[in-house]
Amino acid sequence: MEKSGRNLNAVQAAAIFVSFTAYFYLLLFTLLPLLKANYSWHSALYWFVTGGFLFAPLLMFAQWRAYAEGNRGMKEILAALHARPFTRRDWRYSLIGLFAVLLLSGAIFGGAWRLGFHFGLAMPATTPWFMEMRPLAGVERLLLLAWLPMFFLNIVGEELLWRGYVQGRLRGRGAWVLCAGLWLLFHLPFGPGVMLLALPAILIIPYAFHKTRNSLVGIFIHGLFNGPIFVAIALGLVH
């Protein structure tokens, strides 16, 4: 059982988001260039390693905070982070939420393409400025096996911290709006193009958690949105 009486206020929530956003920038200007200067890897690997250093602490922080509240054992910790089996309602919000994210993100991408075609405006970047992502070809596609651990830490770490811990301890109907705004802040390092394309997910996932109180709903939507898009980029299907 989750221990009761553990709430956060808006300032505490903002402090967590801002701290990890600052840490994100720190990695981009220290670890990432250090790796590039000392190792001749495929360009994707620099982000896989840096991302691991970014997202693993999110997951560890969420678990530590749940443990500090008195939860013991993985079952209690997961319950404290609002991770539980799906109900029919959870499935409904997961599937509708995923469809809405894909539809709206596709509409943004399509609208940007039309504006570019008719008015010569630049397309929003589908990859962050710090990723020199060239398509994986041949045996290089095995590098996706190195991406999987980082992807797991990315999705599970973000959702258990942002939704399971932070949003789960905020009170009030507007808590999901605050978390969406703070999550948008966390995406600042990715650049405006990625932020624009991710905006539907940034709004819909916190709302879905608000309605279900299940962080696995966010993991479902977030994972099935991010994963296929990254694989498409990695294989050169999306530029």
C-alpha atoms as a PDB file:
ATOM      1  CA  MET A   1       0.000   0.000   0.000  1.00  0.00           C
ATOM      2  CA  GLU A   2       1.160   3.552  -0.761  1.00  0.00           C
ATOM      3  CA  LYS A   3       1.835   5.559   2.374  1.00  0.00           C
ATOM      4  CA  SER A   4      -0.545   8.505   2.730  1.00  0.00           C
ATOM      5  CA  GLY A   5       0.079  12.165   3.505  1.00  0.00           C
ATOM      6  CA  ARG A   6       2.937  12.717   1.038  1.00  0.00           C
ATOM      7  CA  ASN A   7       2.062  15.779  -1.041  1.00  0.00           C
ATOM      8  CA  LEU A   8       4.069  18.252  -3.108  1.00  0.00           C
ATOM      9  CA  ASN A   9       3.343  21.888  -3.766  1.00  0.00           C
ATOM     10  CA  ALA A  10       3.950  23.723  -7.042  1.00  0.00           C
ATOM     11  CA  VAL A  11       7.313  25.121  -5.925  1.00  0.00           C
ATOM     12  CA  GLN A  12       8.611  21.685  -4.956  1.00  0.00           C
ATOM     13  CA  ALA A  13       7.409  20.206  -8.244  1.00  0.00           C
ATOM     14  CA  ALA A  14       9.045  23.018 -10.210  1.00  0.00           C
ATOM     15  CA  ALA A  15      12.295  22.551  -8.281  1.00  0.00           C
ATOM     16  CA  ILE A  16      12.467  18.896  -9.342  1.00  0.00           C
ATOM     17  CA  PHE A  17      11.813  19.659 -13.000  1.00  0.00           C
ATOM     18  CA  VAL A  18      14.195  22.626 -13.081  1.00  0.00           C
ATOM     19  CA  SER A  19      16.960  20.641 -11.367  1.00  0.00           C
ATOM     20  CA  PHE A  20      16.799  17.814 -13.877  1.00  0.00           C
ATOM     21  CA  THR A  21      16.554  20.257 -16.784  1.00  0.00           C
ATOM     22  CA  ALA A  22      19.733  21.964 -15.544  1.00  0.00           C
ATOM     23  CA  TYR A  23      21.361  18.530 -15.209  1.00  0.00           C
ATOM     24  CA  PHE A  24      20.306  17.782 -18.799  1.00  0.00           C
ATOM     25  CA  TYR A  25      22.089  20.917 -20.020  1.00  0.00           C
ATOM     26  CA  LEU A  26      25.127  20.037 -17.927  1.00  0.00           C
ATOM     27  CA  LEU A  27      25.424  16.653 -19.641  1.00  0.00           C
ATOM     28  CA  LEU A  28      25.044  18.218 -23.084  1.00  0.00           C
ATOM     29  CA  PHE A  29      27.927  20.608 -22.465  1.00  0.00           C
ATOM     30  CA  THR A  30      30.232  18.278 -20.519  1.00  0.00           C
ATOM     31  CA  LEU A  31      29.726  14.546 -21.029  1.00  0.00           C
ATOM     32  CA  LEU A  32      28.511  14.663 -24.632  1.00  0.00           C
ATOM     33  CA  PRO A  33      31.465  16.707 -26.012  1.00  0.00           C
ATOM     34  CA  LEU A  34      33.859  14.641 -23.876  1.00  0.00           C
ATOM     35  CA  LEU A  35      32.617  11.452 -25.516  1.00  0.00           C
ATOM     36  CA  LYS A  36      32.859  12.980 -28.986  1.00  0.00           C
ATOM     37  CA  ALA A  37      36.397  14.197 -28.346  1.00  0.00           C
ATOM     38  CA  ASN A  38      37.702  10.871 -27.072  1.00  0.00           C
ATOM     39  CA  TYR A  39      35.799   8.125 -28.899  1.00  0.00           C
ATOM     40  CA  SER A  40      35.227   7.467 -32.595  1.00  0.00           C
ATOM     41  CA  TRP A  41      31.777   5.979 -32.326  1.00  0.00           C
ATOM     42  CA  HIS A  42      28.758   6.042 -34.573  1.00  0.00           C
ATOM     43  CA  SER A  43      27.085   9.404 -33.979  1.00  0.00           C
ATOM     44  CA  ALA A  44      24.017   7.769 -32.392  1.00  0.00           C
ATOM     45  CA  LEU A  45      26.041   6.166 -29.595  1.00  0.00           C
ATOM     46  CA  TYR A  46      27.042   9.497 -28.115  1.00  0.00           C
ATOM     47  CA  TRP A  47      23.385  10.203 -27.339  1.00  0.00           C
ATOM     48  CA  PHE A  48      22.645   6.650 -26.203  1.00  0.00           C
ATOM     49  CA  VAL A  49      25.325   6.942 -23.510  1.00  0.00           C
ATOM     50  CA  THR A  50      24.501  10.536 -22.569  1.00  0.00           C
ATOM     51  CA  GLY A  51      20.800   9.691 -22.436  1.00  0.00           C
ATOM     52  CA  GLY A  52      21.518   6.805 -20.098  1.00  0.00           C
ATOM     53  CA  PHE A  53      23.283   9.191 -17.721  1.00  0.00           C
ATOM     54  CA  LEU A  54      20.294  11.544 -17.965  1.00  0.00           C
ATOM     55  CA  PHE A  55      17.386   9.172 -17.532  1.00  0.00           C
ATOM     56  CA  ALA A  56      18.774   6.620 -15.061  1.00  0.00           C
ATOM     57  CA  PRO A  57      18.883   9.255 -12.279  1.00  0.00           C
ATOM     58  CA  LEU A  58      15.228  10.115 -12.960  1.00  0.00           C
ATOM     59  CA  LEU A  59      14.237   6.524 -12.293  1.00  0.00           C
ATOM     60  CA  MET A  60      16.519   6.246  -9.257  1.00  0.00           C
ATOM     61  CA  PHE A  61      15.217   9.527  -7.818  1.00  0.00           C
ATOM     62  CA  ALA A  62      11.593   8.400  -8.143  1.00  0.00           C
ATOM     63  CA  GLN A  63      12.374   5.079  -6.431  1.00  0.00           C
ATOM     64  CA  TRP A  64      14.395   6.799  -3.705  1.00  0.00           C
ATOM     65  CA  ARG A  65      11.638   9.275  -2.935  1.00  0.00           C
ATOM     66  CA  ALA A  66       9.074   6.466  -2.740  1.00  0.00           C
ATOM     67  CA  TYR A  67      11.429   4.529  -0.449  1.00  0.00           C
ATOM     68  CA  ALA A  68      11.974   7.625   1.721  1.00  0.00           C
ATOM     69  CA  GLU A  69       8.221   7.797   2.248  1.00  0.00           C
ATOM     70  CA  GLY A  70       8.372   4.442   3.983  1.00  0.00           C
ATOM     71  CA  ASN A  71       7.547   2.122   1.096  1.00  0.00           C
ATOM     72  CA  ARG A  72       9.507  -1.112   1.207  1.00  0.00           C
ATOM     73  CA  GLY A  73       9.839  -3.719  -1.506  1.00  0.00           C
ATOM     74  CA  MET A  74       9.245  -3.290  -5.209  1.00  0.00           C
ATOM     75  CA  LYS A  75       5.507  -3.860  -4.935  1.00  0.00           C
ATOM     76  CA  GLU A  76       5.038  -1.021  -2.438  1.00  0.00           C
ATOM     77  CA  ILE A  77       7.386   1.291  -4.331  1.00  0.00           C
ATOM     78  CA  LEU A  78       5.535   0.740  -7.617  1.00  0.00           C
ATOM     79  CA  ALA A  79       2.215   1.315  -5.849  1.00  0.00           C
ATOM     80  CA  ALA A  80       3.601   4.549  -4.394  1.00  0.00           C
ATOM     81  CA  LEU A  81       4.558   5.590  -7.928  1.00  0.00           C
ATOM     82  CA  HIS A  82       1.030   4.821  -9.144  1.00  0.00           C
ATOM     83  CA  ALA A  83       2.035   1.847 -11.316  1.00  0.00           C
ATOM     84  CA  ARG A  84      -0.675  -0.798 -11.302  1.00  0.00           C
ATOM     85  CA  PRO A  85      -2.326  -3.235 -13.737  1.00  0.00           C
ATOM     86  CA  PHE A  86      -4.589  -1.745 -16.362  1.00  0.00           C
ATOM     87  CA  THR A  87      -8.321  -1.536 -15.951  1.00  0.00           C
ATOM     88  CA  ARG A  88     -10.694  -1.138 -18.901  1.00  0.00           C
ATOM     89  CA  ARG A  89     -10.746   2.588 -18.200  1.00  0.00           C
ATOM     90  CA  ASP A  90      -6.939   2.671 -18.300  1.00  0.00           C
ATOM     91  CA  TRP A  91      -6.899   0.853 -21.641  1.00  0.00           C
ATOM     92  CA  ARG A  92      -9.457   3.283 -23.019  1.00  0.00           C
ATOM     93  CA  TYR A  93      -7.417   6.332 -22.054  1.00  0.00           C
ATOM     94  CA  SER A  94      -4.208   4.664 -23.244  1.00  0.00           C
ATOM     95  CA  LEU A  95      -5.501   3.815 -26.700  1.00  0.00           C
ATOM     96  CA  ILE A  96      -7.434   7.040 -27.238  1.00  0.00           C
ATOM     97  CA  GLY A  97      -4.509   9.044 -25.871  1.00  0.00           C
ATOM     98  CA  LEU A  98      -2.011   7.318 -28.155  1.00  0.00           C
ATOM     99  CA  PHE A  99      -4.268   7.832 -31.175  1.00  0.00           C
ATOM    100  CA  ALA A 100      -4.719  11.518 -30.307  1.00  0.00           C
ATOM    101  CA  VAL A 101      -0.967  12.043 -29.857  1.00  0.00           C
ATOM    102  CA  LEU A 102      -0.169  10.390 -33.185  1.00  0.00           C
ATOM    103  CA  LEU A 103      -2.957  12.227 -34.998  1.00  0.00           C
ATOM    104  CA  LEU A 104      -2.110  15.672 -33.614  1.00  0.00           C
ATOM    105  CA  SER A 105       1.649  15.255 -34.014  1.00  0.00           C
ATOM    106  CA  GLY A 106       1.063  14.098 -37.580  1.00  0.00           C
ATOM    107  CA  ALA A 107      -1.157  17.117 -38.174  1.00  0.00           C
ATOM    108  CA  ILE A 108       1.563  19.453 -36.884  1.00  0.00           C
ATOM    109  CA  PHE A 109       4.162  17.765 -39.096  1.00  0.00           C
ATOM    110  CA  GLY A 110       1.825  17.820 -42.098  1.00  0.00           C
ATOM    111  CA  GLY A 111       0.899  21.448 -41.503  1.00  0.00           C
ATOM    112  CA  ALA A 112       4.562  22.405 -41.275  1.00  0.00           C
ATOM    113  CA  TRP A 113       5.252  20.542 -44.520  1.00  0.00           C
ATOM    114  CA  ARG A 114       2.467  22.411 -46.312  1.00  0.00           C
ATOM    115  CA  LEU A 115       3.721  25.747 -44.998  1.00  0.00           C
ATOM    116  CA  GLY A 116       7.197  24.840 -46.180  1.00  0.00           C
ATOM    117  CA  PHE A 117       5.929  23.751 -49.590  1.00  0.00           C
ATOM    118  CA  HIS A 118       3.797  26.838 -50.193  1.00  0.00           C
ATOM    119  CA  PHE A 119       5.767  29.528 -48.379  1.00  0.00           C
ATOM    120  CA  GLY A 120       9.282  28.129 -48.148  1.00  0.00           C
ATOM    121  CA  LEU A 121       9.277  27.909 -44.344  1.00  0.00           C
ATOM    122  CA  ALA A 122      11.745  25.529 -42.730  1.00  0.00           C
ATOM    123  CA  MET A 123      10.423  22.222 -41.407  1.00  0.00           C
ATOM    124  CA  PRO A 124      10.656  21.700 -37.625  1.00  0.00           C
ATOM    125  CA  ALA A 125      13.640  19.518 -36.764  1.00  0.00           C
ATOM    126  CA  THR A 126      12.734  15.921 -35.953  1.00  0.00           C
ATOM    127  CA  THR A 127      16.064  15.356 -34.196  1.00  0.00           C
ATOM    128  CA  PRO A 128      17.608  17.519 -31.444  1.00  0.00           C
ATOM    129  CA  TRP A 129      20.494  19.856 -32.281  1.00  0.00           C
ATOM    130  CA  PHE A 130      22.939  17.751 -30.272  1.00  0.00           C
ATOM    131  CA  MET A 131      22.240  14.537 -32.206  1.00  0.00           C
ATOM    132  CA  GLU A 132      24.160  14.003 -35.438  1.00  0.00           C
ATOM    133  CA  MET A 133      21.880  11.182 -36.472  1.00  0.00           C
ATOM    134  CA  ARG A 134      22.785   9.508 -39.728  1.00  0.00           C
ATOM    135  CA  PRO A 135      20.665   6.519 -40.785  1.00  0.00           C
ATOM    136  CA  LEU A 136      21.792   3.117 -39.611  1.00  0.00           C
ATOM    137  CA  ALA A 137      22.644   0.821 -42.491  1.00  0.00           C
ATOM    138  CA  GLY A 138      23.575  -2.852 -42.653  1.00  0.00           C
ATOM    139  CA  VAL A 139      25.238  -4.158 -39.505  1.00  0.00           C
ATOM    140  CA  GLU A 140      24.947  -0.686 -37.936  1.00  0.00           C
ATOM    141  CA  ARG A 141      21.304  -1.474 -37.272  1.00  0.00           C
ATOM    142  CA  LEU A 142      22.488  -3.698 -34.440  1.00  0.00           C
ATOM    143  CA  LEU A 143      23.233  -0.453 -32.598  1.00  0.00           C
ATOM    144  CA  LEU A 144      19.521  -0.298 -31.878  1.00  0.00           C
ATOM    145  CA  LEU A 145      20.265  -2.980 -29.264  1.00  0.00           C
ATOM    146  CA  ALA A 146      22.371  -0.356 -27.458  1.00  0.00           C
ATOM    147  CA  TRP A 147      19.480   2.095 -27.777  1.00  0.00           C
ATOM    148  CA  LEU A 148      16.989  -0.200 -26.011  1.00  0.00           C
ATOM    149  CA  PRO A 149      18.355   0.232 -22.433  1.00  0.00           C
ATOM    150  CA  MET A 150      18.439   4.014 -22.832  1.00  0.00           C
ATOM    151  CA  PHE A 151      14.929   3.967 -24.303  1.00  0.00           C
ATOM    152  CA  PHE A 152      13.676   1.944 -21.324  1.00  0.00           C
ATOM    153  CA  LEU A 153      15.266   4.370 -18.858  1.00  0.00           C
ATOM    154  CA  ASN A 154      13.878   7.314 -20.856  1.00  0.00           C
ATOM    155  CA  ILE A 155      10.260   6.180 -20.862  1.00  0.00           C
ATOM    156  CA  VAL A 156      10.062   4.471 -17.484  1.00  0.00           C
ATOM    157  CA  GLY A 157      12.267   7.016 -15.709  1.00  0.00           C
ATOM    158  CA  GLU A 158      10.313  10.017 -16.968  1.00  0.00           C
ATOM    159  CA  GLU A 159       6.876   8.549 -16.378  1.00  0.00           C
ATOM    160  CA  LEU A 160       7.549   7.178 -12.890  1.00  0.00           C
ATOM    161  CA  LEU A 161       9.098  10.482 -11.830  1.00  0.00           C
ATOM    162  CA  TRP A 162       7.009  13.100 -13.661  1.00  0.00           C
ATOM    163  CA  ARG A 163       3.691  11.292 -13.363  1.00  0.00           C
ATOM    164  CA  GLY A 164       4.065   8.595 -10.700  1.00  0.00           C
ATOM    165  CA  TYR A 165       5.912  10.725  -8.171  1.00  0.00           C
ATOM    166  CA  VAL A 166       5.484  14.446  -8.933  1.00  0.00           C
ATOM    167  CA  GLN A 167       2.011  14.650 -10.480  1.00  0.00           C
ATOM    168  CA  GLY A 168       0.758  11.905  -8.208  1.00  0.00           C
ATOM    169  CA  ARG A 169       1.539  14.087  -5.183  1.00  0.00           C
ATOM    170  CA  LEU A 170       0.162  17.370  -6.474  1.00  0.00           C
ATOM    171  CA  ARG A 171      -3.366  18.271  -5.533  1.00  0.00           C
ATOM    172  CA  GLY A 172      -5.971  20.195  -7.500  1.00  0.00           C
ATOM    173  CA  ARG A 173      -7.624  19.864 -10.883  1.00  0.00           C
ATOM    174  CA  GLY A 174      -4.945  22.017 -12.485  1.00  0.00           C
ATOM    175  CA  ALA A 175      -2.068  19.791 -11.393  1.00  0.00           C
ATOM    176  CA  TRP A 176      -1.888  18.152 -14.800  1.00  0.00           C
ATOM    177  CA  VAL A 177      -1.589  21.560 -16.500  1.00  0.00           C
ATOM    178  CA  LEU A 178       1.292  22.509 -14.195  1.00  0.00           C
ATOM    179  CA  CYS A 179       3.041  19.199 -14.907  1.00  0.00           C
ATOM    180  CA  ALA A 180       2.539  19.615 -18.651  1.00  0.00           C
ATOM    181  CA  GLY A 181       4.116  23.078 -18.495  1.00  0.00           C
ATOM    182  CA  LEU A 182       7.038  21.833 -16.419  1.00  0.00           C
ATOM    183  CA  TRP A 183       7.515  18.855 -18.724  1.00  0.00           C
ATOM    184  CA  LEU A 184       7.655  21.257 -21.663  1.00  0.00           C
ATOM    185  CA  LEU A 185      10.418  23.070 -19.774  1.00  0.00           C
ATOM    186  CA  PHE A 186      12.343  19.800 -19.490  1.00  0.00           C
ATOM    187  CA  HIS A 187      12.209  19.534 -23.297  1.00  0.00           C
ATOM    188  CA  LEU A 188      13.916  22.906 -23.808  1.00  0.00           C
ATOM    189  CA  PRO A 189      17.319  21.278 -24.468  1.00  0.00           C
ATOM    190  CA  PHE A 190      15.824  19.352 -27.403  1.00  0.00           C
ATOM    191  CA  GLY A 191      15.122  22.565 -29.302  1.00  0.00           C
ATOM    192  CA  PRO A 192      11.925  24.240 -30.590  1.00  0.00           C
ATOM    193  CA  GLY A 193      11.280  21.819 -33.475  1.00  0.00           C
ATOM    194  CA  VAL A 194      11.190  18.732 -31.267  1.00  0.00           C
ATOM    195  CA  MET A 195       9.193  20.625 -28.629  1.00  0.00           C
ATOM    196  CA  LEU A 196       6.573  21.565 -31.218  1.00  0.00           C
ATOM    197  CA  LEU A 197       6.189  18.007 -32.485  1.00  0.00           C
ATOM    198  CA  ALA A 198       6.090  16.669 -28.924  1.00  0.00           C
ATOM    199  CA  LEU A 199       3.495  19.193 -27.723  1.00  0.00           C
ATOM    200  CA  PRO A 200       0.477  16.869 -28.130  1.00  0.00           C
ATOM    201  CA  ALA A 201       2.205  14.200 -26.009  1.00  0.00           C
ATOM    202  CA  ILE A 202       3.287  16.795 -23.461  1.00  0.00           C
ATOM    203  CA  LEU A 203      -0.356  17.798 -22.968  1.00  0.00           C
ATOM    204  CA  ILE A 204      -2.169  14.487 -23.404  1.00  0.00           C
ATOM    205  CA  ILE A 205      -0.014  12.223 -21.215  1.00  0.00           C
ATOM    206  CA  PRO A 206      -0.372  14.331 -18.034  1.00  0.00           C
ATOM    207  CA  TYR A 207      -4.117  14.605 -18.713  1.00  0.00           C
ATOM    208  CA  ALA A 208      -4.414  10.831 -19.151  1.00  0.00           C
ATOM    209  CA  PHE A 209      -2.653  10.325 -15.822  1.00  0.00           C
ATOM    210  CA  HIS A 210      -4.964  12.906 -14.234  1.00  0.00           C
ATOM    211  CA  LYS A 211      -7.942  10.808 -15.334  1.00  0.00           C
ATOM    212  CA  THR A 212      -6.535   7.352 -14.546  1.00  0.00           C
ATOM    213  CA  ARG A 213      -3.966   7.856 -11.749  1.00  0.00           C
ATOM    214  CA  ASN A 214      -1.925   5.107 -13.394  1.00  0.00           C
ATOM    215  CA  SER A 215       1.635   5.895 -14.500  1.00  0.00           C
ATOM    216  CA  LEU A 216       1.642   2.833 -16.762  1.00  0.00           C
ATOM    217  CA  VAL A 217      -0.791   4.698 -19.004  1.00  0.00           C
ATOM    218  CA  GLY A 218       1.891   7.319 -19.575  1.00  0.00           C
ATOM    219  CA  ILE A 219       4.493   4.620 -20.185  1.00  0.00           C
ATOM    220  CA  PHE A 220       2.224   3.037 -22.794  1.00  0.00           C
ATOM    221  CA  ILE A 221       1.524   6.276 -24.699  1.00  0.00           C
ATOM    222  CA  HIS A 222       5.028   7.703 -24.325  1.00  0.00           C
ATOM    223  CA  GLY A 223       6.745   4.476 -25.373  1.00  0.00           C
ATOM    224  CA  LEU A 224       4.571   3.764 -28.400  1.00  0.00           C
ATOM    225  CA  PHE A 225       4.912   7.363 -29.560  1.00  0.00           C
ATOM    226  CA  ASN A 226       8.661   7.857 -29.070  1.00  0.00           C
ATOM    227  CA  GLY A 227       9.899   4.386 -29.940  1.00  0.00           C
ATOM    228  CA  PRO A 228       8.587   3.978 -33.501  1.00  0.00           C
ATOM    229  CA  ILE A 229       9.482   7.571 -34.377  1.00  0.00           C
ATOM    230  CA  PHE A 230      13.095   7.122 -33.270  1.00  0.00           C
ATOM    231  CA  VAL A 231      13.409   3.809 -35.128  1.00  0.00           C
ATOM    232  CA  ALA A 232      12.021   5.479 -38.268  1.00  0.00           C
ATOM    233  CA  ILE A 233      14.595   8.271 -37.937  1.00  0.00           C
ATOM    234  CA  ALA A 234      17.388   5.770 -37.237  1.00  0.00           C
ATOM    235  CA  LEU A 235      16.515   3.774 -40.347  1.00  0.00           C
ATOM    236  CA  GLY A 236      16.291   6.893 -42.515  1.00  0.00           C
ATOM    237  CA  LEU A 237      12.540   6.667 -43.050  1.00  0.00           C
ATOM    238  CA  VAL A 238      12.007  10.160 -41.554  1.00  0.00           C
ATOM    239  CA  HIS A 239      14.385  13.089 -41.993  1.00  0.00           C
END
